Protein backbone atom coordinates (compact mmCIF):
# COMPACT_ATOMS: atom_id res chain seq x y z
CA MET A 1 0.00 0.00 0.00
CA PRO A 2 1.19 3.55 -0.66
CA ASP A 3 2.12 5.77 2.28
CA ASP A 4 -0.93 7.99 1.86
CA VAL A 5 -4.13 5.97 1.75
CA TYR A 6 -7.48 7.67 2.08
CA VAL A 7 -10.30 5.72 3.71
CA LEU A 8 -13.72 6.72 2.41
CA ASP A 9 -16.94 6.94 4.38
CA ALA A 10 -20.35 6.13 2.91
CA ASN A 11 -21.14 9.83 2.72
CA VAL A 12 -18.45 10.31 0.06
CA PHE A 13 -20.30 7.91 -2.20
CA ILE A 14 -23.82 8.99 -1.26
CA GLU A 15 -23.21 12.73 -1.60
CA ALA A 16 -21.33 12.27 -4.88
CA MET A 17 -24.21 10.26 -6.33
CA ASN A 18 -26.94 12.58 -5.06
CA ARG A 19 -25.30 15.91 -5.81
CA TYR A 20 -22.47 16.62 -8.19
CA TYR A 21 -21.27 13.32 -9.63
CA ALA A 22 -24.34 11.31 -10.57
CA PHE A 23 -23.45 8.14 -12.42
CA ASP A 24 -25.06 9.30 -15.66
CA LEU A 25 -23.57 12.81 -15.52
CA VAL A 26 -19.97 12.16 -14.47
CA PRO A 27 -19.06 8.51 -15.04
CA ALA A 28 -15.38 9.50 -15.06
CA PHE A 29 -15.62 10.30 -11.34
CA TRP A 30 -16.68 6.73 -10.56
CA ASP A 31 -14.04 5.32 -12.91
CA SER A 32 -11.40 7.41 -11.13
CA LEU A 33 -12.45 5.98 -7.76
CA ILE A 34 -11.91 2.51 -9.17
CA ASP A 35 -8.52 3.54 -10.59
CA HIS A 36 -7.42 5.06 -7.26
CA ALA A 37 -8.56 1.95 -5.41
CA ASN A 38 -6.67 -0.26 -7.85
CA SER A 39 -3.51 1.77 -7.19
CA GLY A 40 -4.02 1.50 -3.42
CA GLN A 41 -4.61 5.21 -2.87
CA ILE A 42 -8.16 4.83 -1.56
CA ARG A 43 -9.92 2.12 0.41
CA SER A 44 -13.05 1.70 2.41
CA ILE A 45 -14.37 -0.90 4.80
CA ASP A 46 -16.93 -3.68 4.67
CA ARG A 47 -19.33 -1.80 6.93
CA VAL A 48 -19.44 1.16 4.54
CA GLN A 49 -20.16 -1.28 1.73
CA SER A 50 -23.04 -2.70 3.78
CA GLU A 51 -24.48 0.79 4.38
CA CYS A 52 -24.37 1.53 0.66
CA SER A 53 -25.66 -1.90 -0.36
CA ARG A 54 -28.77 -1.52 1.80
CA MET A 55 -29.85 1.44 -0.33
CA LYS A 56 -30.92 -0.84 -3.22
CA ASN A 57 -30.09 1.72 -5.91
CA GLU A 58 -27.43 2.44 -8.52
CA LEU A 59 -24.86 3.10 -5.80
CA ALA A 60 -25.60 -0.27 -4.19
CA ASP A 61 -25.05 -1.98 -7.51
CA TRP A 62 -21.80 -0.07 -8.10
CA VAL A 63 -20.26 -0.84 -4.71
CA ASP A 64 -21.18 -4.51 -4.99
CA GLU A 65 -20.20 -5.01 -8.63
CA ASP A 66 -17.51 -2.47 -9.51
CA PHE A 67 -15.90 -1.39 -6.24
CA ASN A 68 -16.22 -4.45 -4.02
CA HIS A 69 -12.48 -5.14 -4.23
CA ALA A 70 -11.77 -1.87 -2.40
CA PHE A 71 -13.63 -2.72 0.82
CA ASP A 72 -11.42 -4.18 3.52
CA SER A 73 -12.67 -6.40 6.30
CA THR A 74 -12.98 -5.06 9.83
CA ASP A 75 -12.91 -8.55 11.33
CA GLU A 76 -9.23 -8.46 12.28
CA SER A 77 -8.86 -8.85 16.04
CA GLU A 78 -6.81 -5.65 16.36
CA ILE A 79 -9.51 -3.64 14.57
CA VAL A 80 -12.25 -5.19 16.70
CA GLN A 81 -10.29 -4.40 19.88
CA THR A 82 -9.63 -0.83 18.75
CA PHE A 83 -13.32 -0.38 17.90
CA GLY A 84 -14.12 -1.34 21.50
CA GLU A 85 -11.69 1.31 22.71
CA VAL A 86 -13.28 3.92 20.45
CA ILE A 87 -16.77 3.05 21.72
CA ASN A 88 -15.57 3.16 25.34
CA TRP A 89 -14.13 6.63 24.75
CA VAL A 90 -17.37 7.82 23.14
CA ASN A 91 -19.47 6.42 25.98
CA GLU A 92 -17.35 8.28 28.54
CA GLN A 93 -18.03 11.64 26.87
CA THR A 94 -20.80 13.56 28.63
CA GLN A 95 -21.33 16.04 25.79
CA PHE A 96 -22.89 13.32 23.58
CA SER A 97 -26.49 12.23 24.12
CA ASP A 98 -27.24 8.56 24.65
CA ALA A 99 -29.07 8.54 21.31
CA ALA A 100 -26.02 9.96 19.52
CA LYS A 101 -23.79 7.39 21.20
CA ALA A 102 -26.08 4.56 20.13
CA ASP A 103 -26.28 5.91 16.58
CA PHE A 104 -22.49 6.14 16.41
CA ALA A 105 -22.03 2.61 17.77
CA GLY A 106 -24.46 1.20 15.22
CA GLY A 107 -22.91 2.79 12.15
CA ALA A 108 -19.68 2.50 10.24
CA ASP A 109 -17.96 5.61 11.63
CA GLY A 110 -16.48 3.96 14.71
CA TRP A 111 -15.22 1.13 12.55
CA LEU A 112 -13.64 3.60 10.13
CA ILE A 113 -11.80 5.22 13.03
CA ALA A 114 -10.64 1.85 14.37
CA TYR A 115 -9.50 0.77 10.90
CA GLY A 116 -7.63 4.05 10.45
CA ILE A 117 -5.88 3.72 13.80
CA VAL A 118 -4.79 0.15 13.10
CA LYS A 119 -3.82 0.61 9.47
């Protein structure tokens, strides 16, 4: 892997599709994501893929068919352990509501942080 690897959240894909880089308007954007993933410059994680796949739309098809090679597993024990540490830190913070903590724990963001710390 190159020294600088960018790990993408679901929002990168969702906002691009919904706003400025719709598949039919700017297919080169989506091709460039594939190219950057193939060169190791960008990655994402399995939990982001799951979030996108649940949408049952063109993005879901793209992540499952064209970009699936760029989603790394978060099942490594070190990532799982680090995720637990991230969640413990979040739960200790009094400025976050319980609902926000639960939302964070149930999404991909904590896993992205754990993956980034480990990798």
